[in-house]
């Protein structure tokens, strides 16, 4: 069935189900020898960032970031998380909520860390560790961090600590993107709309790179990570449940952009250089496992082309703020 994704600050029932479901996933084990389901997503995200495309490249592009696959890869991740939340909540109608951070970005800087998203009945607030709300120390445990071994190879290390946040504490970048920033990205180059452009990395023009937030960096999606800080800063950023609310809003902006501009083509196409593997329209996206217990929808075999129209899976409640 098609579900509707709503603003977490507009629907208390969705908010409460999201919090409950996320906590259930922390104690859900698909196989005896696997980490809990929530942490599998954290590990997946970490290794996606550690997989350079092409290998040994130095331009920042990896299997799911700083390149065209940024939006479809995270769309896939959100679909799978939503599927697992529906399972543990026993509610096939549950839609993953989004946080419209631009609304908070319209507030004076001093008020942005005081938004209802950071209240005790939603995500809680700042702290090292966070000490209030449903993800406070004692109620939420960070189990893993990313690291490098003696050969500079990526590994996961076990930790046992509380969640860390530093809302608006970055001296240089202490505020969120605003609604005007979002509209500028959605409607930029309206006469020559491009999803992405060569060189397909952090210096590209086009919608993807602007929404990811590399031009005038950090901006847009990247700036939200910086604003929250703490565990939202490293490659294991899904340790903070705020990660999914940010990315669901990013996906909503992409979906709105697709609708507003009549579905501009995804780029690069299949004829692009093989050095862009993982980012061309028919390339397999980076998977952590093909086991259908984790991915019953695509079984780890999904391309950007498969994720350009997801209206049979979910829709968003509105795009009124985008245009």
C-alpha atoms as a PDB file:
ATOM      1  CA  UNK A   1       0.000   0.000   0.000  1.00  0.00           C
ATOM      2  CA  UNK A   2       1.059   3.601  -0.561  1.00  0.00           C
ATOM      3  CA  UNK A   3       1.737   5.466   2.673  1.00  0.00           C
ATOM      4  CA  UNK A   4       1.838   9.205   3.303  1.00  0.00           C
ATOM      5  CA  UNK A   5       4.890  10.793   4.881  1.00  0.00           C
ATOM      6  CA  UNK A   6       4.058  13.742   7.116  1.00  0.00           C
ATOM      7  CA  UNK A   7       5.842  16.487   9.025  1.00  0.00           C
ATOM      8  CA  UNK A   8       6.813  15.093  12.437  1.00  0.00           C
ATOM      9  CA  UNK A   9       5.867  18.401  14.064  1.00  0.00           C
ATOM     10  CA  UNK A  10       2.358  18.330  12.562  1.00  0.00           C
ATOM     11  CA  UNK A  11       1.269  14.867  13.675  1.00  0.00           C
ATOM     12  CA  UNK A  12       1.859  13.725  17.255  1.00  0.00           C
ATOM     13  CA  UNK A  13       0.706  10.165  16.536  1.00  0.00           C
ATOM     14  CA  UNK A  14       3.296   9.789  13.768  1.00  0.00           C
ATOM     15  CA  UNK A  15       5.925  11.343  16.031  1.00  0.00           C
ATOM     16  CA  UNK A  16       5.200   8.910  18.835  1.00  0.00           C
ATOM     17  CA  UNK A  17       5.181   5.909  16.489  1.00  0.00           C
ATOM     18  CA  UNK A  18       8.490   6.965  14.988  1.00  0.00           C
ATOM     19  CA  UNK A  19      10.124   7.171  18.411  1.00  0.00           C
ATOM     20  CA  UNK A  20       8.618   3.864  19.496  1.00  0.00           C
ATOM     21  CA  UNK A  21       9.588   2.113  16.279  1.00  0.00           C
ATOM     22  CA  UNK A  22      13.164   3.384  16.309  1.00  0.00           C
ATOM     23  CA  UNK A  23      13.590   2.062  19.840  1.00  0.00           C
ATOM     24  CA  UNK A  24      12.104  -1.282  18.853  1.00  0.00           C
ATOM     25  CA  UNK A  25      14.633  -1.587  16.028  1.00  0.00           C
ATOM     26  CA  UNK A  26      17.441  -1.114  18.568  1.00  0.00           C
ATOM     27  CA  UNK A  27      16.281  -4.348  20.178  1.00  0.00           C
ATOM     28  CA  UNK A  28      15.350  -6.209  17.005  1.00  0.00           C
ATOM     29  CA  UNK A  29      17.641  -8.957  15.681  1.00  0.00           C
ATOM     30  CA  UNK A  30      16.964 -10.413  12.246  1.00  0.00           C
ATOM     31  CA  UNK A  31      19.610 -13.118  12.739  1.00  0.00           C
ATOM     32  CA  UNK A  32      21.452 -14.306  15.825  1.00  0.00           C
ATOM     33  CA  UNK A  33      24.858 -13.374  14.420  1.00  0.00           C
ATOM     34  CA  UNK A  34      23.815  -9.917  13.195  1.00  0.00           C
ATOM     35  CA  UNK A  35      23.834  -6.570  15.016  1.00  0.00           C
ATOM     36  CA  UNK A  36      20.452  -5.126  15.913  1.00  0.00           C
ATOM     37  CA  UNK A  37      18.488  -3.895  12.905  1.00  0.00           C
ATOM     38  CA  UNK A  38      18.974  -0.220  13.705  1.00  0.00           C
ATOM     39  CA  UNK A  39      22.745  -0.576  13.873  1.00  0.00           C
ATOM     40  CA  UNK A  40      22.875  -2.399  10.540  1.00  0.00           C
ATOM     41  CA  UNK A  41      21.737   0.860   8.950  1.00  0.00           C
ATOM     42  CA  UNK A  42      24.500   2.753  10.767  1.00  0.00           C
ATOM     43  CA  UNK A  43      27.113   0.261   9.550  1.00  0.00           C
ATOM     44  CA  UNK A  44      25.749   0.400   5.994  1.00  0.00           C
ATOM     45  CA  UNK A  45      25.998   4.186   5.917  1.00  0.00           C
ATOM     46  CA  UNK A  46      29.529   4.137   7.315  1.00  0.00           C
ATOM     47  CA  UNK A  47      30.841   1.726   4.701  1.00  0.00           C
ATOM     48  CA  UNK A  48      29.087   3.594   1.909  1.00  0.00           C
ATOM     49  CA  UNK A  49      31.097   6.683   2.852  1.00  0.00           C
ATOM     50  CA  UNK A  50      34.306   4.664   3.048  1.00  0.00           C
ATOM     51  CA  UNK A  51      33.819   3.226  -0.466  1.00  0.00           C
ATOM     52  CA  UNK A  52      35.456   5.714  -2.827  1.00  0.00           C
ATOM     53  CA  UNK A  53      34.190   5.841  -6.420  1.00  0.00           C
ATOM     54  CA  UNK A  54      36.432   5.092  -8.166  1.00  0.00           C
ATOM     55  CA  UNK A  55      38.684   3.386  -5.600  1.00  0.00           C
ATOM     56  CA  UNK A  56      41.514   5.558  -4.316  1.00  0.00           C
ATOM     57  CA  UNK A  57      39.939   8.704  -5.735  1.00  0.00           C
ATOM     58  CA  UNK A  58      40.544  11.950  -3.888  1.00  0.00           C
ATOM     59  CA  UNK A  59      37.636  14.122  -5.052  1.00  0.00           C
ATOM     60  CA  UNK A  60      35.337  13.137  -2.172  1.00  0.00           C
ATOM     61  CA  UNK A  61      32.867  11.073  -4.174  1.00  0.00           C
ATOM     62  CA  UNK A  62      31.943   7.783  -2.536  1.00  0.00           C
ATOM     63  CA  UNK A  63      29.279   5.134  -3.038  1.00  0.00           C
ATOM     64  CA  UNK A  64      26.469   7.263  -1.635  1.00  0.00           C
ATOM     65  CA  UNK A  65      27.749  10.834  -1.200  1.00  0.00           C
ATOM     66  CA  UNK A  66      29.329  13.703  -3.098  1.00  0.00           C
ATOM     67  CA  UNK A  67      28.032  12.317  -6.372  1.00  0.00           C
ATOM     68  CA  UNK A  68      24.803  11.632  -8.299  1.00  0.00           C
ATOM     69  CA  UNK A  69      23.847   8.550  -6.247  1.00  0.00           C
ATOM     70  CA  UNK A  70      23.430  10.678  -3.113  1.00  0.00           C
ATOM     71  CA  UNK A  71      19.691  11.092  -3.541  1.00  0.00           C
ATOM     72  CA  UNK A  72      18.664   7.611  -4.818  1.00  0.00           C
ATOM     73  CA  UNK A  73      20.922   5.784  -2.346  1.00  0.00           C
ATOM     74  CA  UNK A  74      19.406   7.581   0.625  1.00  0.00           C
ATOM     75  CA  UNK A  75      15.914   7.138  -0.839  1.00  0.00           C
ATOM     76  CA  UNK A  76      16.542   3.391  -0.828  1.00  0.00           C
ATOM     77  CA  UNK A  77      17.798   3.562   2.749  1.00  0.00           C
ATOM     78  CA  UNK A  78      14.653   5.417   3.857  1.00  0.00           C
ATOM     79  CA  UNK A  79      12.357   2.930   2.116  1.00  0.00           C
ATOM     80  CA  UNK A  80      14.016   0.021   3.922  1.00  0.00           C
ATOM     81  CA  UNK A  81      13.926   1.771   7.292  1.00  0.00           C
ATOM     82  CA  UNK A  82      10.250   2.588   6.749  1.00  0.00           C
ATOM     83  CA  UNK A  83       9.597  -1.063   5.897  1.00  0.00           C
ATOM     84  CA  UNK A  84      11.257  -2.248   9.110  1.00  0.00           C
ATOM     85  CA  UNK A  85       9.411   0.335  11.181  1.00  0.00           C
ATOM     86  CA  UNK A  86       6.128  -0.895   9.712  1.00  0.00           C
ATOM     87  CA  UNK A  87       7.143  -4.434  10.665  1.00  0.00           C
ATOM     88  CA  UNK A  88       8.065  -3.795  14.293  1.00  0.00           C
ATOM     89  CA  UNK A  89       5.107  -1.442  14.779  1.00  0.00           C
ATOM     90  CA  UNK A  90       2.774  -3.946  13.091  1.00  0.00           C
ATOM     91  CA  UNK A  91       1.393  -1.042  11.079  1.00  0.00           C
ATOM     92  CA  UNK A  92       1.600  -1.203   7.284  1.00  0.00           C
ATOM     93  CA  UNK A  93       0.125   2.312   7.044  1.00  0.00           C
ATOM     94  CA  UNK A  94       3.007   3.974   8.883  1.00  0.00           C
ATOM     95  CA  UNK A  95       4.859   6.579   6.830  1.00  0.00           C
ATOM     96  CA  UNK A  96       8.302   7.778   7.842  1.00  0.00           C
ATOM     97  CA  UNK A  97       8.028  11.397   9.045  1.00  0.00           C
ATOM     98  CA  UNK A  98      10.193  14.268   7.891  1.00  0.00           C
ATOM     99  CA  UNK A  99      11.469  17.355   9.700  1.00  0.00           C
ATOM    100  CA  UNK A 100      11.019  20.511   7.662  1.00  0.00           C
ATOM    101  CA  UNK A 101      14.180  22.114   9.033  1.00  0.00           C
ATOM    102  CA  UNK A 102      13.770  25.181   6.820  1.00  0.00           C
ATOM    103  CA  UNK A 103      10.807  26.276   8.944  1.00  0.00           C
ATOM    104  CA  UNK A 104      13.098  26.272  11.955  1.00  0.00           C
ATOM    105  CA  UNK A 105      15.750  27.954   9.816  1.00  0.00           C
ATOM    106  CA  UNK A 106      13.352  30.884   9.367  1.00  0.00           C
ATOM    107  CA  UNK A 107      13.485  31.514  13.123  1.00  0.00           C
ATOM    108  CA  UNK A 108      16.029  33.827  14.756  1.00  0.00           C
ATOM    109  CA  UNK A 109      19.297  31.989  15.301  1.00  0.00           C
ATOM    110  CA  UNK A 110      18.904  31.890  19.087  1.00  0.00           C
ATOM    111  CA  UNK A 111      15.512  30.166  18.793  1.00  0.00           C
ATOM    112  CA  UNK A 112      16.520  27.402  16.377  1.00  0.00           C
ATOM    113  CA  UNK A 113      17.937  25.034  19.062  1.00  0.00           C
ATOM    114  CA  UNK A 114      14.650  25.565  20.977  1.00  0.00           C
ATOM    115  CA  UNK A 115      12.371  24.267  18.215  1.00  0.00           C
ATOM    116  CA  UNK A 116       9.738  21.679  19.240  1.00  0.00           C
ATOM    117  CA  UNK A 117      11.789  19.054  17.384  1.00  0.00           C
ATOM    118  CA  UNK A 118      14.215  19.199  20.331  1.00  0.00           C
ATOM    119  CA  UNK A 119      11.539  18.996  23.034  1.00  0.00           C
ATOM    120  CA  UNK A 120      11.354  16.191  25.581  1.00  0.00           C
ATOM    121  CA  UNK A 121       8.452  14.535  23.738  1.00  0.00           C
ATOM    122  CA  UNK A 122      10.298  14.501  20.413  1.00  0.00           C
ATOM    123  CA  UNK A 123      14.061  14.140  19.918  1.00  0.00           C
ATOM    124  CA  UNK A 124      15.326  15.741  23.119  1.00  0.00           C
ATOM    125  CA  UNK A 125      18.087  18.322  23.168  1.00  0.00           C
ATOM    126  CA  UNK A 126      21.829  18.882  23.230  1.00  0.00           C
ATOM    127  CA  UNK A 127      24.407  17.203  25.419  1.00  0.00           C
ATOM    128  CA  UNK A 128      27.468  14.999  25.510  1.00  0.00           C
ATOM    129  CA  UNK A 129      25.576  12.829  26.237  1.00  0.00           C
ATOM    130  CA  UNK A 130      22.013  14.008  25.605  1.00  0.00           C
ATOM    131  CA  UNK A 131      20.340  13.963  29.000  1.00  0.00           C
ATOM    132  CA  UNK A 132      16.669  14.507  28.279  1.00  0.00           C
ATOM    133  CA  UNK A 133      13.993  13.184  25.954  1.00  0.00           C
ATOM    134  CA  UNK A 134      13.431   9.687  24.551  1.00  0.00           C
ATOM    135  CA  UNK A 135      17.027   9.347  23.354  1.00  0.00           C
ATOM    136  CA  UNK A 136      18.689  10.491  26.565  1.00  0.00           C
ATOM    137  CA  UNK A 137      21.519   8.525  28.139  1.00  0.00           C
ATOM    138  CA  UNK A 138      20.053   5.408  29.720  1.00  0.00           C
ATOM    139  CA  UNK A 139      17.267   5.302  27.125  1.00  0.00           C
ATOM    140  CA  UNK A 140      19.408   5.221  23.982  1.00  0.00           C
ATOM    141  CA  UNK A 141      22.827   3.697  23.489  1.00  0.00           C
ATOM    142  CA  UNK A 142      25.364   4.319  20.750  1.00  0.00           C
ATOM    143  CA  UNK A 143      26.973   0.937  20.078  1.00  0.00           C
ATOM    144  CA  UNK A 144      29.351   1.537  17.177  1.00  0.00           C
ATOM    145  CA  UNK A 145      31.735   4.083  15.757  1.00  0.00           C
ATOM    146  CA  UNK A 146      33.719   4.095  12.538  1.00  0.00           C
ATOM    147  CA  UNK A 147      37.471   3.897  12.597  1.00  0.00           C
ATOM    148  CA  UNK A 148      40.510   2.883  10.520  1.00  0.00           C
ATOM    149  CA  UNK A 149      42.758  -0.082  11.264  1.00  0.00           C
ATOM    150  CA  UNK A 150      46.543  -0.135  11.117  1.00  0.00           C
ATOM    151  CA  UNK A 151      46.343  -0.453   7.305  1.00  0.00           C
ATOM    152  CA  UNK A 152      43.998   2.539   7.027  1.00  0.00           C
ATOM    153  CA  UNK A 153      41.132   0.226   6.167  1.00  0.00           C
ATOM    154  CA  UNK A 154      37.661   1.139   7.498  1.00  0.00           C
ATOM    155  CA  UNK A 155      36.425  -0.864  10.473  1.00  0.00           C
ATOM    156  CA  UNK A 156      33.646  -0.620  13.029  1.00  0.00           C
ATOM    157  CA  UNK A 157      34.569  -0.408  16.703  1.00  0.00           C
ATOM    158  CA  UNK A 158      32.262  -1.194  19.613  1.00  0.00           C
ATOM    159  CA  UNK A 159      31.384   1.526  22.105  1.00  0.00           C
ATOM    160  CA  UNK A 160      28.846   1.846  24.879  1.00  0.00           C
ATOM    161  CA  UNK A 161      27.843   5.444  25.457  1.00  0.00           C
ATOM    162  CA  UNK A 162      25.079   7.985  25.192  1.00  0.00           C
ATOM    163  CA  UNK A 163      24.095  10.023  22.155  1.00  0.00           C
ATOM    164  CA  UNK A 164      25.917  13.300  21.535  1.00  0.00           C
ATOM    165  CA  UNK A 165      24.509  16.532  20.086  1.00  0.00           C
ATOM    166  CA  UNK A 166      25.707  20.137  19.938  1.00  0.00           C
ATOM    167  CA  UNK A 167      22.738  22.068  18.554  1.00  0.00           C
ATOM    168  CA  UNK A 168      23.787  25.348  16.952  1.00  0.00           C
ATOM    169  CA  UNK A 169      27.167  25.298  18.693  1.00  0.00           C
ATOM    170  CA  UNK A 170      29.355  25.415  15.594  1.00  0.00           C
ATOM    171  CA  UNK A 171      30.929  28.871  15.710  1.00  0.00           C
ATOM    172  CA  UNK A 172      31.090  29.358  11.949  1.00  0.00           C
ATOM    173  CA  UNK A 173      27.820  27.613  10.973  1.00  0.00           C
ATOM    174  CA  UNK A 174      25.369  27.999  13.879  1.00  0.00           C
ATOM    175  CA  UNK A 175      22.052  28.077  11.991  1.00  0.00           C
ATOM    176  CA  UNK A 176      19.841  26.009   9.703  1.00  0.00           C
ATOM    177  CA  UNK A 177      18.956  26.610   6.029  1.00  0.00           C
ATOM    178  CA  UNK A 178      15.854  28.742   5.543  1.00  0.00           C
ATOM    179  CA  UNK A 179      12.784  28.409   3.334  1.00  0.00           C
ATOM    180  CA  UNK A 180      14.241  30.959   0.918  1.00  0.00           C
ATOM    181  CA  UNK A 181      17.375  28.808   0.602  1.00  0.00           C
ATOM    182  CA  UNK A 182      15.274  25.755  -0.231  1.00  0.00           C
ATOM    183  CA  UNK A 183      13.225  27.620  -2.829  1.00  0.00           C
ATOM    184  CA  UNK A 184      16.379  28.939  -4.445  1.00  0.00           C
ATOM    185  CA  UNK A 185      17.753  25.396  -4.830  1.00  0.00           C
ATOM    186  CA  UNK A 186      14.482  23.946  -6.124  1.00  0.00           C
ATOM    187  CA  UNK A 187      13.946  26.704  -8.652  1.00  0.00           C
ATOM    188  CA  UNK A 188      17.513  27.429  -9.727  1.00  0.00           C
ATOM    189  CA  UNK A 189      18.299  27.233 -13.456  1.00  0.00           C
ATOM    190  CA  UNK A 190      14.589  26.865 -14.150  1.00  0.00           C
ATOM    191  CA  UNK A 191      15.148  27.236 -17.893  1.00  0.00           C
ATOM    192  CA  UNK A 192      17.865  24.560 -18.020  1.00  0.00           C
ATOM    193  CA  UNK A 193      17.139  22.162 -15.182  1.00  0.00           C
ATOM    194  CA  UNK A 194      19.861  19.587 -14.569  1.00  0.00           C
ATOM    195  CA  UNK A 195      19.830  16.837 -11.980  1.00  0.00           C
ATOM    196  CA  UNK A 196      23.645  16.720 -11.953  1.00  0.00           C
ATOM    197  CA  UNK A 197      26.582  17.696 -14.143  1.00  0.00           C
ATOM    198  CA  UNK A 198      30.204  16.838 -14.826  1.00  0.00           C
ATOM    199  CA  UNK A 199      32.540  16.381 -12.973  1.00  0.00           C
ATOM    200  CA  UNK A 200      29.860  14.625 -10.874  1.00  0.00           C
ATOM    201  CA  UNK A 201      31.344  15.498  -7.494  1.00  0.00           C
ATOM    202  CA  UNK A 202      31.402  18.243  -4.854  1.00  0.00           C
ATOM    203  CA  UNK A 203      32.184  20.910  -7.461  1.00  0.00           C
ATOM    204  CA  UNK A 204      29.293  20.063  -9.806  1.00  0.00           C
ATOM    205  CA  UNK A 205      26.512  22.429 -10.725  1.00  0.00           C
ATOM    206  CA  UNK A 206      23.000  21.058 -10.819  1.00  0.00           C
ATOM    207  CA  UNK A 207      20.282  20.222  -8.334  1.00  0.00           C
ATOM    208  CA  UNK A 208      21.842  17.221  -6.554  1.00  0.00           C
ATOM    209  CA  UNK A 209      24.988  18.982  -5.460  1.00  0.00           C
ATOM    210  CA  UNK A 210      23.080  22.081  -4.352  1.00  0.00           C
ATOM    211  CA  UNK A 211      20.677  20.026  -2.251  1.00  0.00           C
ATOM    212  CA  UNK A 212      23.475  17.911  -0.799  1.00  0.00           C
ATOM    213  CA  UNK A 213      25.053  21.197   0.234  1.00  0.00           C
ATOM    214  CA  UNK A 214      28.552  21.482  -1.198  1.00  0.00           C
ATOM    215  CA  UNK A 215      28.270  24.863  -2.947  1.00  0.00           C
ATOM    216  CA  UNK A 216      28.774  27.575  -0.319  1.00  0.00           C
ATOM    217  CA  UNK A 217      29.545  24.629   1.959  1.00  0.00           C
ATOM    218  CA  UNK A 218      28.178  23.615   4.218  1.00  0.00           C
ATOM    219  CA  UNK A 219      24.650  24.355   3.067  1.00  0.00           C
ATOM    220  CA  UNK A 220      21.307  22.571   2.828  1.00  0.00           C
ATOM    221  CA  UNK A 221      21.603  18.878   3.867  1.00  0.00           C
ATOM    222  CA  UNK A 222      25.235  19.256   4.963  1.00  0.00           C
ATOM    223  CA  UNK A 223      24.438  22.283   7.088  1.00  0.00           C
ATOM    224  CA  UNK A 224      21.748  20.355   8.986  1.00  0.00           C
ATOM    225  CA  UNK A 225      24.361  17.769   9.972  1.00  0.00           C
ATOM    226  CA  UNK A 226      26.716  20.541  11.103  1.00  0.00           C
ATOM    227  CA  UNK A 227      23.964  22.362  13.042  1.00  0.00           C
ATOM    228  CA  UNK A 228      23.091  19.220  15.031  1.00  0.00           C
ATOM    229  CA  UNK A 229      26.725  18.231  15.487  1.00  0.00           C
ATOM    230  CA  UNK A 230      27.842  15.476  17.834  1.00  0.00           C
ATOM    231  CA  UNK A 231      26.958  12.077  16.388  1.00  0.00           C
ATOM    232  CA  UNK A 232      25.485  13.687  13.279  1.00  0.00           C
ATOM    233  CA  UNK A 233      28.971  14.808  12.217  1.00  0.00           C
ATOM    234  CA  UNK A 234      30.850  11.540  11.383  1.00  0.00           C
ATOM    235  CA  UNK A 235      30.113   8.816   8.841  1.00  0.00           C
ATOM    236  CA  UNK A 236      28.145   6.911  11.516  1.00  0.00           C
ATOM    237  CA  UNK A 237      25.616   9.776  11.615  1.00  0.00           C
ATOM    238  CA  UNK A 238      22.554   7.456  11.590  1.00  0.00           C
ATOM    239  CA  UNK A 239      23.411   6.801  15.269  1.00  0.00           C
ATOM    240  CA  UNK A 240      21.214   9.876  15.829  1.00  0.00           C
ATOM    241  CA  UNK A 241      17.536   9.278  14.914  1.00  0.00           C
ATOM    242  CA  UNK A 242      17.495  12.887  13.693  1.00  0.00           C
ATOM    243  CA  UNK A 243      19.418  11.594  10.669  1.00  0.00           C
ATOM    244  CA  UNK A 244      16.329  10.013   9.109  1.00  0.00           C
ATOM    245  CA  UNK A 245      14.130  13.054   9.694  1.00  0.00           C
ATOM    246  CA  UNK A 246      16.714  15.192   7.918  1.00  0.00           C
ATOM    247  CA  UNK A 247      17.046  12.804   4.997  1.00  0.00           C
ATOM    248  CA  UNK A 248      13.314  12.313   4.678  1.00  0.00           C
ATOM    249  CA  UNK A 249      13.000  16.072   4.207  1.00  0.00           C
ATOM    250  CA  UNK A 250      15.840  15.992   1.675  1.00  0.00           C
ATOM    251  CA  UNK A 251      13.965  13.255  -0.180  1.00  0.00           C
ATOM    252  CA  UNK A 252      10.767  15.326  -0.002  1.00  0.00           C
ATOM    253  CA  UNK A 253      12.595  18.258  -1.585  1.00  0.00           C
ATOM    254  CA  UNK A 254      13.849  15.979  -4.353  1.00  0.00           C
ATOM    255  CA  UNK A 255      10.335  14.589  -4.913  1.00  0.00           C
ATOM    256  CA  UNK A 256       8.961  18.129  -5.030  1.00  0.00           C
ATOM    257  CA  UNK A 257      11.674  19.188  -7.486  1.00  0.00           C
ATOM    258  CA  UNK A 258      10.788  16.219  -9.707  1.00  0.00           C
ATOM    259  CA  UNK A 259       7.126  17.223  -9.691  1.00  0.00           C
ATOM    260  CA  UNK A 260       7.704  20.947 -10.196  1.00  0.00           C
ATOM    261  CA  UNK A 261      10.061  20.407 -13.147  1.00  0.00           C
ATOM    262  CA  UNK A 262       8.222  17.464 -14.766  1.00  0.00           C
ATOM    263  CA  UNK A 263      10.762  14.772 -13.883  1.00  0.00           C
ATOM    264  CA  UNK A 264      14.050  15.938 -15.388  1.00  0.00           C
ATOM    265  CA  UNK A 265      16.212  12.969 -16.393  1.00  0.00           C
ATOM    266  CA  UNK A 266      18.617  11.421 -13.953  1.00  0.00           C
ATOM    267  CA  UNK A 267      22.252  11.977 -14.905  1.00  0.00           C
ATOM    268  CA  UNK A 268      24.746  10.478 -15.631  1.00  0.00           C
ATOM    269  CA  UNK A 269      23.268   7.955 -18.021  1.00  0.00           C
ATOM    270  CA  UNK A 270      24.618   4.488 -18.825  1.00  0.00           C
ATOM    271  CA  UNK A 271      27.023   5.820 -21.433  1.00  0.00           C
ATOM    272  CA  UNK A 272      29.076   7.763 -18.908  1.00  0.00           C
ATOM    273  CA  UNK A 273      32.573   6.706 -17.891  1.00  0.00           C
ATOM    274  CA  UNK A 274      32.987   3.461 -15.947  1.00  0.00           C
ATOM    275  CA  UNK A 275      34.818   5.546 -13.333  1.00  0.00           C
ATOM    276  CA  UNK A 276      31.334   6.674 -12.287  1.00  0.00           C
ATOM    277  CA  UNK A 277      30.299   3.163 -11.278  1.00  0.00           C
ATOM    278  CA  UNK A 278      27.660   3.262  -8.502  1.00  0.00           C
ATOM    279  CA  UNK A 279      26.415   6.619  -9.839  1.00  0.00           C
ATOM    280  CA  UNK A 280      25.162   5.963 -13.389  1.00  0.00           C
ATOM    281  CA  UNK A 281      21.455   5.417 -13.855  1.00  0.00           C
ATOM    282  CA  UNK A 282      21.608   1.624 -14.220  1.00  0.00           C
ATOM    283  CA  UNK A 283      24.471   0.902 -11.824  1.00  0.00           C
ATOM    284  CA  UNK A 284      23.850  -1.202  -8.733  1.00  0.00           C
ATOM    285  CA  UNK A 285      23.845   0.951  -5.642  1.00  0.00           C
ATOM    286  CA  UNK A 286      26.083   0.023  -2.728  1.00  0.00           C
ATOM    287  CA  UNK A 287      24.491  -2.674  -0.540  1.00  0.00           C
ATOM    288  CA  UNK A 288      25.482  -3.911   2.909  1.00  0.00           C
ATOM    289  CA  UNK A 289      23.734  -7.244   2.323  1.00  0.00           C
ATOM    290  CA  UNK A 290      21.457  -8.856  -0.244  1.00  0.00           C
ATOM    291  CA  UNK A 291      19.687 -10.924   2.414  1.00  0.00           C
ATOM    292  CA  UNK A 292      15.897 -10.522   2.005  1.00  0.00           C
ATOM    293  CA  UNK A 293      15.512 -10.443   5.796  1.00  0.00           C
ATOM    294  CA  UNK A 294      17.088  -6.996   5.690  1.00  0.00           C
ATOM    295  CA  UNK A 295      15.936  -5.926   2.233  1.00  0.00           C
ATOM    296  CA  UNK A 296      12.733  -7.762   1.310  1.00  0.00           C
ATOM    297  CA  UNK A 297      11.864  -5.132  -1.310  1.00  0.00           C
ATOM    298  CA  UNK A 298      14.922  -5.032  -3.582  1.00  0.00           C
ATOM    299  CA  UNK A 299      17.133  -7.775  -2.058  1.00  0.00           C
ATOM    300  CA  UNK A 300      20.134  -5.499  -2.459  1.00  0.00           C
ATOM    301  CA  UNK A 301      19.708  -5.245  -6.233  1.00  0.00           C
ATOM    302  CA  UNK A 302      18.600  -1.687  -6.916  1.00  0.00           C
ATOM    303  CA  UNK A 303      19.706   1.067  -9.291  1.00  0.00           C
ATOM    304  CA  UNK A 304      18.972   4.802  -9.448  1.00  0.00           C
ATOM    305  CA  UNK A 305      16.515   4.019 -12.245  1.00  0.00           C
ATOM    306  CA  UNK A 306      14.458   1.901  -9.836  1.00  0.00           C
ATOM    307  CA  UNK A 307      14.072   4.826  -7.434  1.00  0.00           C
ATOM    308  CA  UNK A 308      12.977   7.668  -9.687  1.00  0.00           C
ATOM    309  CA  UNK A 309       9.275   6.970  -9.177  1.00  0.00           C
ATOM    310  CA  UNK A 310       8.364   5.624  -5.726  1.00  0.00           C
ATOM    311  CA  UNK A 311       4.742   6.790  -5.727  1.00  0.00           C
ATOM    312  CA  UNK A 312       3.534   3.197  -5.352  1.00  0.00           C
ATOM    313  CA  UNK A 313       5.405   3.033  -2.019  1.00  0.00           C
ATOM    314  CA  UNK A 314       4.948   6.480  -0.475  1.00  0.00           C
ATOM    315  CA  UNK A 315       3.886  10.062  -1.145  1.00  0.00           C
ATOM    316  CA  UNK A 316       4.436  13.291   0.803  1.00  0.00           C
ATOM    317  CA  UNK A 317       1.662  15.302   2.402  1.00  0.00           C
ATOM    318  CA  UNK A 318       2.613  18.535   0.616  1.00  0.00           C
ATOM    319  CA  UNK A 319       5.227  20.545  -1.254  1.00  0.00           C
ATOM    320  CA  UNK A 320       3.651  23.936  -0.577  1.00  0.00           C
ATOM    321  CA  UNK A 321       6.867  25.449   0.768  1.00  0.00           C
ATOM    322  CA  UNK A 322       9.027  24.562  -2.233  1.00  0.00           C
ATOM    323  CA  UNK A 323       7.721  26.827  -4.982  1.00  0.00           C
END
